[in-house]
Amino acid sequence: MPNTKSAERRMRNSERKRQHNRAILSRLRKHEKGLRDAVNAGKKADATKTLPDVHSVIDKAVKSGVITRAAANRKKSRLTIAANRSK
């Protein structure tokens, strides 16, 4: 347990930020998984349709500081390559 009032506040803020980051990461993983499922199922039309949505979710995660810009660029690149490779 925290010993000071400021430590108590930090604990509350940390928990709130942790929940916020988890929500954003969960949303990111859900969209990424949807795209990967479309690619694996061979649905190129669905994959290319959902790609901009996934890019948007990734950019929003960067904007809120959940993932770094480099990680986002790497994810977007790999997902785009996968979507283009699908049949």
PDB file of N, CA and C in Angstrom:
ATOM      1  N   MET A   1       0.835  -1.188   0.000  1.00  0.00           N
ATOM      2  CA  MET A   1       0.000   0.000   0.000  1.00  0.00           C
ATOM      3  C   MET A   1       0.879   1.251   0.000  1.00  0.00           C
ATOM      4  N   PRO A   2       0.383   2.313  -0.628  1.00  0.00           N
ATOM      5  CA  PRO A   2       1.165   3.544  -0.675  1.00  0.00           C
ATOM      6  C   PRO A   2       1.257   4.201   0.703  1.00  0.00           C
ATOM      7  N   ASN A   3       2.373   4.859   0.921  1.00  0.00           N
ATOM      8  CA  ASN A   3       2.589   5.507   2.216  1.00  0.00           C
ATOM      9  C   ASN A   3       2.217   6.981   2.216  1.00  0.00           C
ATOM     10  N   THR A   4       2.180   7.618   1.060  1.00  0.00           N
ATOM     11  CA  THR A   4       1.889   9.050   0.994  1.00  0.00           C
ATOM     12  C   THR A   4       0.702   9.309   0.074  1.00  0.00           C
ATOM     13  N   LYS A   5       0.168  10.515   0.193  1.00  0.00           N
ATOM     14  CA  LYS A   5      -0.970  10.878  -0.657  1.00  0.00           C
ATOM     15  C   LYS A   5      -0.576  10.896  -2.131  1.00  0.00           C
ATOM     16  N   SER A   6       0.618  11.391  -2.404  1.00  0.00           N
ATOM     17  CA  SER A   6       1.052  11.456  -3.806  1.00  0.00           C
ATOM     18  C   SER A   6       1.242  10.050  -4.386  1.00  0.00           C
ATOM     19  N   ALA A   7       1.717   9.133  -3.557  1.00  0.00           N
ATOM     20  CA  ALA A   7       1.863   7.748  -4.013  1.00  0.00           C
ATOM     21  C   ALA A   7       0.495   7.128  -4.282  1.00  0.00           C
ATOM     22  N   GLU A   8      -0.488   7.497  -3.473  1.00  0.00           N
ATOM     23  CA  GLU A   8      -1.863   7.017  -3.694  1.00  0.00           C
ATOM     24  C   GLU A   8      -2.392   7.518  -5.031  1.00  0.00           C
ATOM     25  N   ARG A   9      -2.174   8.794  -5.302  1.00  0.00           N
ATOM     26  CA  ARG A   9      -2.618   9.380  -6.570  1.00  0.00           C
ATOM     27  C   ARG A   9      -1.924   8.703  -7.743  1.00  0.00           C
ATOM     28  N   ARG A  10      -0.622   8.495  -7.616  1.00  0.00           N
ATOM     29  CA  ARG A  10       0.112   7.831  -8.686  1.00  0.00           C
ATOM     30  C   ARG A  10      -0.430   6.430  -8.933  1.00  0.00           C
ATOM     31  N   MET A  11      -0.785   5.738  -7.870  1.00  0.00           N
ATOM     32  CA  MET A  11      -1.327   4.394  -8.002  1.00  0.00           C
ATOM     33  C   MET A  11      -2.659   4.418  -8.765  1.00  0.00           C
ATOM     34  N   ARG A  12      -3.509   5.388  -8.422  1.00  0.00           N
ATOM     35  CA  ARG A  12      -4.795   5.505  -9.123  1.00  0.00           C
ATOM     36  C   ARG A  12      -4.579   5.855 -10.590  1.00  0.00           C
ATOM     37  N   ASN A  13      -3.690   6.809 -10.845  1.00  0.00           N
ATOM     38  CA  ASN A  13      -3.418   7.210 -12.226  1.00  0.00           C
ATOM     39  C   ASN A  13      -2.811   6.066 -13.027  1.00  0.00           C
ATOM     40  N   SER A  14      -1.894   5.343 -12.414  1.00  0.00           N
ATOM     41  CA  SER A  14      -1.248   4.226 -13.103  1.00  0.00           C
ATOM     42  C   SER A  14      -2.263   3.167 -13.493  1.00  0.00           C
ATOM     43  N   GLU A  15      -3.183   2.878 -12.597  1.00  0.00           N
ATOM     44  CA  GLU A  15      -4.205   1.861 -12.893  1.00  0.00           C
ATOM     45  C   GLU A  15      -5.118   2.328 -14.025  1.00  0.00           C
ATOM     46  N   ARG A  16      -5.510   3.606 -13.990  1.00  0.00           N
ATOM     47  CA  ARG A  16      -6.373   4.146 -15.041  1.00  0.00           C
ATOM     48  C   ARG A  16      -5.669   4.090 -16.393  1.00  0.00           C
ATOM     49  N   LYS A  17      -4.385   4.466 -16.427  1.00  0.00           N
ATOM     50  CA  LYS A  17      -3.627   4.432 -17.668  1.00  0.00           C
ATOM     51  C   LYS A  17      -3.411   2.999 -18.155  1.00  0.00           C
ATOM     52  N   ARG A  18      -3.203   2.076 -17.218  1.00  0.00           N
ATOM     53  CA  ARG A  18      -3.025   0.673 -17.585  1.00  0.00           C
ATOM     54  C   ARG A  18      -4.283   0.135 -18.262  1.00  0.00           C
ATOM     55  N   GLN A  19      -5.436   0.451 -17.702  1.00  0.00           N
ATOM     56  CA  GLN A  19      -6.703   0.006 -18.291  1.00  0.00           C
ATOM     57  C   GLN A  19      -6.898   0.613 -19.681  1.00  0.00           C
ATOM     58  N   HIS A  20      -6.547   1.888 -19.836  1.00  0.00           N
ATOM     59  CA  HIS A  20      -6.680   2.566 -21.126  1.00  0.00           C
ATOM     60  C   HIS A  20      -5.772   1.912 -22.170  1.00  0.00           C
ATOM     61  N   ASN A  21      -4.520   1.654 -21.785  1.00  0.00           N
ATOM     62  CA  ASN A  21      -3.578   1.027 -22.711  1.00  0.00           C
ATOM     63  C   ASN A  21      -4.016  -0.379 -23.084  1.00  0.00           C
ATOM     64  N   ARG A  22      -4.540  -1.131 -22.119  1.00  0.00           N
ATOM     65  CA  ARG A  22      -5.016  -2.490 -22.401  1.00  0.00           C
ATOM     66  C   ARG A  22      -6.167  -2.470 -23.396  1.00  0.00           C
ATOM     67  N   ALA A  23      -7.068  -1.504 -23.260  1.00  0.00           N
ATOM     68  CA  ALA A  23      -8.199  -1.398 -24.179  1.00  0.00           C
ATOM     69  C   ALA A  23      -7.719  -1.117 -25.594  1.00  0.00           C
ATOM     70  N   ILE A  24      -6.760  -0.217 -25.718  1.00  0.00           N
ATOM     71  CA  ILE A  24      -6.245   0.131 -27.041  1.00  0.00           C
ATOM     72  C   ILE A  24      -5.520  -1.060 -27.665  1.00  0.00           C
ATOM     73  N   LEU A  25      -4.692  -1.750 -26.873  1.00  0.00           N
ATOM     74  CA  LEU A  25      -3.968  -2.925 -27.388  1.00  0.00           C
ATOM     75  C   LEU A  25      -4.929  -4.043 -27.773  1.00  0.00           C
ATOM     76  N   SER A  26      -5.979  -4.211 -26.988  1.00  0.00           N
ATOM     77  CA  SER A  26      -6.967  -5.247 -27.289  1.00  0.00           C
ATOM     78  C   SER A  26      -7.656  -4.945 -28.623  1.00  0.00           C
ATOM     79  N   ARG A  27      -8.020  -3.688 -28.825  1.00  0.00           N
ATOM     80  CA  ARG A  27      -8.660  -3.277 -30.072  1.00  0.00           C
ATOM     81  C   ARG A  27      -7.710  -3.490 -31.250  1.00  0.00           C
ATOM     82  N   LEU A  28      -6.448  -3.157 -31.037  1.00  0.00           N
ATOM     83  CA  LEU A  28      -5.437  -3.333 -32.082  1.00  0.00           C
ATOM     84  C   LEU A  28      -5.283  -4.803 -32.450  1.00  0.00           C
ATOM     85  N   ARG A  29      -5.178  -5.659 -31.455  1.00  0.00           N
ATOM     86  CA  ARG A  29      -5.011  -7.093 -31.709  1.00  0.00           C
ATOM     87  C   ARG A  29      -6.239  -7.678 -32.404  1.00  0.00           C
ATOM     88  N   LYS A  30      -7.434  -7.209 -32.008  1.00  0.00           N
ATOM     89  CA  LYS A  30      -8.668  -7.710 -32.617  1.00  0.00           C
ATOM     90  C   LYS A  30      -8.697  -7.383 -34.108  1.00  0.00           C
ATOM     91  N   HIS A  31      -8.371  -6.150 -34.467  1.00  0.00           N
ATOM     92  CA  HIS A  31      -8.368  -5.753 -35.874  1.00  0.00           C
ATOM     93  C   HIS A  31      -7.275  -6.479 -36.657  1.00  0.00           C
ATOM     94  N   GLU A  32      -6.115  -6.609 -36.038  1.00  0.00           N
ATOM     95  CA  GLU A  32      -5.006  -7.300 -36.691  1.00  0.00           C
ATOM     96  C   GLU A  32      -5.361  -8.765 -36.942  1.00  0.00           C
ATOM     97  N   LYS A  33      -6.005  -9.386 -35.967  1.00  0.00           N
ATOM     98  CA  LYS A  33      -6.402 -10.788 -36.109  1.00  0.00           C
ATOM     99  C   LYS A  33      -7.453 -10.937 -37.210  1.00  0.00           C
ATOM    100  N   GLY A  34      -8.385  -9.992 -37.299  1.00  0.00           N
ATOM    101  CA  GLY A  34      -9.394 -10.038 -38.350  1.00  0.00           C
ATOM    102  C   GLY A  34      -8.773  -9.977 -39.734  1.00  0.00           C
ATOM    103  N   LEU A  35      -7.766  -9.118 -39.873  1.00  0.00           N
ATOM    104  CA  LEU A  35      -7.069  -9.015 -41.158  1.00  0.00           C
ATOM    105  C   LEU A  35      -6.313 -10.299 -41.465  1.00  0.00           C
ATOM    106  N   ARG A  36      -5.604 -10.837 -40.470  1.00  0.00           N
ATOM    107  CA  ARG A  36      -4.847 -12.076 -40.681  1.00  0.00           C
ATOM    108  C   ARG A  36      -5.777 -13.243 -41.029  1.00  0.00           C
ATOM    109  N   ASP A  37      -6.952 -13.292 -40.388  1.00  0.00           N
ATOM    110  CA  ASP A  37      -7.918 -14.354 -40.701  1.00  0.00           C
ATOM    111  C   ASP A  37      -8.403 -14.237 -42.143  1.00  0.00           C
ATOM    112  N   ALA A  38      -8.653 -13.002 -42.589  1.00  0.00           N
ATOM    113  CA  ALA A  38      -9.093 -12.798 -43.972  1.00  0.00           C
ATOM    114  C   ALA A  38      -7.996 -13.218 -44.947  1.00  0.00           C
ATOM    115  N   VAL A  39      -6.752 -12.910 -44.617  1.00  0.00           N
ATOM    116  CA  VAL A  39      -5.624 -13.287 -45.479  1.00  0.00           C
ATOM    117  C   VAL A  39      -5.490 -14.806 -45.529  1.00  0.00           C
ATOM    118  N   ASN A  40      -5.561 -15.447 -44.366  1.00  0.00           N
ATOM    119  CA  ASN A  40      -5.411 -16.906 -44.309  1.00  0.00           C
ATOM    120  C   ASN A  40      -6.568 -17.632 -44.987  1.00  0.00           C
ATOM    121  N   ALA A  41      -7.747 -17.016 -44.984  1.00  0.00           N
ATOM    122  CA  ALA A  41      -8.896 -17.629 -45.639  1.00  0.00           C
ATOM    123  C   ALA A  41      -8.876 -17.393 -47.144  1.00  0.00           C
ATOM    124  N   GLY A  42      -7.953 -16.560 -47.604  1.00  0.00           N
ATOM    125  CA  GLY A  42      -7.844 -16.300 -49.032  1.00  0.00           C
ATOM    126  C   GLY A  42      -8.836 -15.274 -49.536  1.00  0.00           C
ATOM    127  N   LYS A  43      -9.372 -14.451 -48.645  1.00  0.00           N
ATOM    128  CA  LYS A  43     -10.338 -13.424 -49.033  1.00  0.00           C
ATOM    129  C   LYS A  43      -9.605 -12.103 -49.257  1.00  0.00           C
ATOM    130  N   LYS A  44      -9.054 -11.950 -50.437  1.00  0.00           N
ATOM    131  CA  LYS A  44      -8.262 -10.757 -50.740  1.00  0.00           C
ATOM    132  C   LYS A  44      -9.116  -9.491 -50.693  1.00  0.00           C
ATOM    133  N   ALA A  45     -10.346  -9.579 -51.137  1.00  0.00           N
ATOM    134  CA  ALA A  45     -11.223  -8.406 -51.131  1.00  0.00           C
ATOM    135  C   ALA A  45     -11.471  -7.914 -49.709  1.00  0.00           C
ATOM    136  N   ASP A  46     -11.742  -8.851 -48.796  1.00  0.00           N
ATOM    137  CA  ASP A  46     -11.954  -8.471 -47.395  1.00  0.00           C
ATOM    138  C   ASP A  46     -10.675  -7.922 -46.777  1.00  0.00           C
ATOM    139  N   ALA A  47      -9.552  -8.537 -47.119  1.00  0.00           N
ATOM    140  CA  ALA A  47      -8.264  -8.105 -46.558  1.00  0.00           C
ATOM    141  C   ALA A  47      -7.943  -6.677 -46.995  1.00  0.00           C
ATOM    142  N   THR A  48      -8.119  -6.380 -48.276  1.00  0.00           N
ATOM    143  CA  THR A  48      -7.807  -5.033 -48.753  1.00  0.00           C
ATOM    144  C   THR A  48      -8.820  -4.020 -48.240  1.00  0.00           C
ATOM    145  N   LYS A  49     -10.035  -4.477 -47.963  1.00  0.00           N
ATOM    146  CA  LYS A  49     -11.054  -3.574 -47.431  1.00  0.00           C
ATOM    147  C   LYS A  49     -10.778  -3.205 -45.971  1.00  0.00           C
ATOM    148  N   THR A  50     -10.281  -4.164 -45.190  1.00  0.00           N
ATOM    149  CA  THR A  50     -10.047  -3.905 -43.770  1.00  0.00           C
ATOM    150  C   THR A  50      -8.673  -3.305 -43.489  1.00  0.00           C
ATOM    151  N   LEU A  51      -7.781  -3.315 -44.467  1.00  0.00           N
ATOM    152  CA  LEU A  51      -6.427  -2.804 -44.259  1.00  0.00           C
ATOM    153  C   LEU A  51      -6.401  -1.334 -43.807  1.00  0.00           C
ATOM    154  N   PRO A  52      -7.160  -0.421 -44.430  1.00  0.00           N
ATOM    155  CA  PRO A  52      -7.138   0.972 -43.953  1.00  0.00           C
ATOM    156  C   PRO A  52      -7.645   1.117 -42.515  1.00  0.00           C
ATOM    157  N   ASP A  53      -8.617   0.288 -42.133  1.00  0.00           N
ATOM    158  CA  ASP A  53      -9.118   0.333 -40.759  1.00  0.00           C
ATOM    159  C   ASP A  53      -8.030  -0.081 -39.764  1.00  0.00           C
ATOM    160  N   VAL A  54      -7.290  -1.109 -40.119  1.00  0.00           N
ATOM    161  CA  VAL A  54      -6.210  -1.586 -39.256  1.00  0.00           C
ATOM    162  C   VAL A  54      -5.119  -0.526 -39.153  1.00  0.00           C
ATOM    163  N   HIS A  55      -4.789   0.111 -40.271  1.00  0.00           N
ATOM    164  CA  HIS A  55      -3.787   1.175 -40.251  1.00  0.00           C
ATOM    165  C   HIS A  55      -4.241   2.318 -39.349  1.00  0.00           C
ATOM    166  N   SER A  56      -5.522   2.639 -39.395  1.00  0.00           N
ATOM    167  CA  SER A  56      -6.060   3.704 -38.561  1.00  0.00           C
ATOM    168  C   SER A  56      -5.942   3.359 -37.078  1.00  0.00           C
ATOM    169  N   VAL A  57      -6.272   2.122 -36.730  1.00  0.00           N
ATOM    170  CA  VAL A  57      -6.185   1.685 -35.331  1.00  0.00           C
ATOM    171  C   VAL A  57      -4.733   1.730 -34.858  1.00  0.00           C
ATOM    172  N   ILE A  58      -3.817   1.319 -35.719  1.00  0.00           N
ATOM    173  CA  ILE A  58      -2.396   1.347 -35.362  1.00  0.00           C
ATOM    174  C   ILE A  58      -1.941   2.787 -35.145  1.00  0.00           C
ATOM    175  N   ASP A  59      -2.339   3.695 -36.028  1.00  0.00           N
ATOM    176  CA  ASP A  59      -1.945   5.099 -35.887  1.00  0.00           C
ATOM    177  C   ASP A  59      -2.515   5.716 -34.611  1.00  0.00           C
ATOM    178  N   LYS A  60      -3.730   5.333 -34.241  1.00  0.00           N
ATOM    179  CA  LYS A  60      -4.324   5.847 -33.001  1.00  0.00           C
ATOM    180  C   LYS A  60      -3.582   5.313 -31.774  1.00  0.00           C
ATOM    181  N   ALA A  61      -3.087   4.086 -31.863  1.00  0.00           N
ATOM    182  CA  ALA A  61      -2.312   3.528 -30.752  1.00  0.00           C
ATOM    183  C   ALA A  61      -0.994   4.291 -30.592  1.00  0.00           C
ATOM    184  N   VAL A  62      -0.402   4.706 -31.706  1.00  0.00           N
ATOM    185  CA  VAL A  62       0.827   5.506 -31.642  1.00  0.00           C
ATOM    186  C   VAL A  62       0.525   6.877 -31.051  1.00  0.00           C
ATOM    187  N   LYS A  63      -0.566   7.459 -31.496  1.00  0.00           N
ATOM    188  CA  LYS A  63      -0.934   8.801 -31.048  1.00  0.00           C
ATOM    189  C   LYS A  63      -1.136   8.853 -29.536  1.00  0.00           C
ATOM    190  N   SER A  64      -1.669   7.788 -28.966  1.00  0.00           N
ATOM    191  CA  SER A  64      -1.886   7.767 -27.517  1.00  0.00           C
ATOM    192  C   SER A  64      -0.679   7.226 -26.763  1.00  0.00           C
ATOM    193  N   GLY A  65       0.384   6.853 -27.484  1.00  0.00           N
ATOM    194  CA  GLY A  65       1.620   6.442 -26.830  1.00  0.00           C
ATOM    195  C   GLY A  65       1.667   4.998 -26.387  1.00  0.00           C
ATOM    196  N   VAL A  66       0.759   4.172 -26.881  1.00  0.00           N
ATOM    197  CA  VAL A  66       0.728   2.766 -26.469  1.00  0.00           C
ATOM    198  C   VAL A  66       1.827   1.971 -27.160  1.00  0.00           C
ATOM    199  N   ILE A  67       2.057   2.241 -28.446  1.00  0.00           N
ATOM    200  CA  ILE A  67       3.164   1.606 -29.159  1.00  0.00           C
ATOM    201  C   ILE A  67       3.999   2.707 -29.803  1.00  0.00           C
ATOM    202  N   THR A  68       5.236   2.375 -30.141  1.00  0.00           N
ATOM    203  CA  THR A  68       6.118   3.371 -30.742  1.00  0.00           C
ATOM    204  C   THR A  68       5.851   3.485 -32.243  1.00  0.00           C
ATOM    205  N   ARG A  69       6.311   4.570 -32.827  1.00  0.00           N
ATOM    206  CA  ARG A  69       6.124   4.805 -34.254  1.00  0.00           C
ATOM    207  C   ARG A  69       6.821   3.716 -35.073  1.00  0.00           C
ATOM    208  N   ALA A  70       8.004   3.299 -34.643  1.00  0.00           N
ATOM    209  CA  ALA A  70       8.740   2.271 -35.383  1.00  0.00           C
ATOM    210  C   ALA A  70       7.983   0.945 -35.364  1.00  0.00           C
ATOM    211  N   ALA A  71       7.433   0.582 -34.215  1.00  0.00           N
ATOM    212  CA  ALA A  71       6.665  -0.662 -34.120  1.00  0.00           C
ATOM    213  C   ALA A  71       5.428  -0.585 -35.005  1.00  0.00           C
ATOM    214  N   ALA A  72       4.799   0.586 -35.044  1.00  0.00           N
ATOM    215  CA  ALA A  72       3.608   0.768 -35.876  1.00  0.00           C
ATOM    216  C   ALA A  72       3.956   0.633 -37.352  1.00  0.00           C
ATOM    217  N   ASN A  73       5.054   1.260 -37.755  1.00  0.00           N
ATOM    218  CA  ASN A  73       5.451   1.166 -39.160  1.00  0.00           C
ATOM    219  C   ASN A  73       5.773  -0.272 -39.547  1.00  0.00           C
ATOM    220  N   ARG A  74       6.412  -0.989 -38.644  1.00  0.00           N
ATOM    221  CA  ARG A  74       6.754  -2.388 -38.906  1.00  0.00           C
ATOM    222  C   ARG A  74       5.482  -3.222 -39.043  1.00  0.00           C
ATOM    223  N   LYS A  75       4.520  -3.021 -38.138  1.00  0.00           N
ATOM    224  CA  LYS A  75       3.254  -3.761 -38.204  1.00  0.00           C
ATOM    225  C   LYS A  75       2.508  -3.452 -39.501  1.00  0.00           C
ATOM    226  N   LYS A  76       2.419  -2.161 -39.838  1.00  0.00           N
ATOM    227  CA  LYS A  76       1.690  -1.773 -41.047  1.00  0.00           C
ATOM    228  C   LYS A  76       2.343  -2.363 -42.283  1.00  0.00           C
ATOM    229  N   SER A  77       3.648  -2.354 -42.319  1.00  0.00           N
ATOM    230  CA  SER A  77       4.364  -2.896 -43.470  1.00  0.00           C
ATOM    231  C   SER A  77       4.100  -4.387 -43.618  1.00  0.00           C
ATOM    232  N   ARG A  78       4.225  -5.119 -42.530  1.00  0.00           N
ATOM    233  CA  ARG A  78       4.039  -6.569 -42.587  1.00  0.00           C
ATOM    234  C   ARG A  78       2.602  -6.943 -42.909  1.00  0.00           C
ATOM    235  N   LEU A  79       1.659  -6.199 -42.377  1.00  0.00           N
ATOM    236  CA  LEU A  79       0.247  -6.488 -42.674  1.00  0.00           C
ATOM    237  C   LEU A  79      -0.087  -6.176 -44.130  1.00  0.00           C
ATOM    238  N   THR A  80       0.470  -5.101 -44.651  1.00  0.00           N
ATOM    239  CA  THR A  80       0.237  -4.744 -46.052  1.00  0.00           C
ATOM    240  C   THR A  80       0.818  -5.804 -46.971  1.00  0.00           C
ATOM    241  N   ILE A  81       2.018  -6.265 -46.664  1.00  0.00           N
ATOM    242  CA  ILE A  81       2.645  -7.307 -47.478  1.00  0.00           C
ATOM    243  C   ILE A  81       1.786  -8.585 -47.442  1.00  0.00           C
ATOM    244  N   ALA A  82       1.300  -8.932 -46.259  1.00  0.00           N
ATOM    245  CA  ALA A  82       0.475 -10.129 -46.119  1.00  0.00           C
ATOM    246  C   ALA A  82      -0.826  -9.984 -46.904  1.00  0.00           C
ATOM    247  N   ALA A  83      -1.447  -8.800 -46.832  1.00  0.00           N
ATOM    248  CA  ALA A  83      -2.710  -8.580 -47.554  1.00  0.00           C
ATOM    249  C   ALA A  83      -2.493  -8.638 -49.060  1.00  0.00           C
ATOM    250  N   ASN A  84      -1.378  -8.099 -49.528  1.00  0.00           N
ATOM    251  CA  ASN A  84      -1.093  -8.115 -50.966  1.00  0.00           C
ATOM    252  C   ASN A  84      -0.735  -9.512 -51.454  1.00  0.00           C
ATOM    253  N   ARG A  85      -0.197 -10.328 -50.558  1.00  0.00           N
ATOM    254  CA  ARG A  85       0.223 -11.675 -50.937  1.00  0.00           C
ATOM    255  C   ARG A  85      -0.955 -12.651 -50.993  1.00  0.00           C
ATOM    256  N   SER A  86      -2.073 -12.283 -50.332  1.00  0.00           N
ATOM    257  CA  SER A  86      -3.205 -13.208 -50.313  1.00  0.00           C
ATOM    258  C   SER A  86      -3.776 -13.382 -51.717  1.00  0.00           C
ATOM    259  N   LYS A  87      -4.402 -14.520 -51.935  1.00  0.00           N
ATOM    260  CA  LYS A  87      -4.880 -14.860 -53.281  1.00  0.00           C
ATOM    261  C   LYS A  87      -6.248 -14.310 -53.545  1.00  0.00           C
TER     262      LYS A  87
END
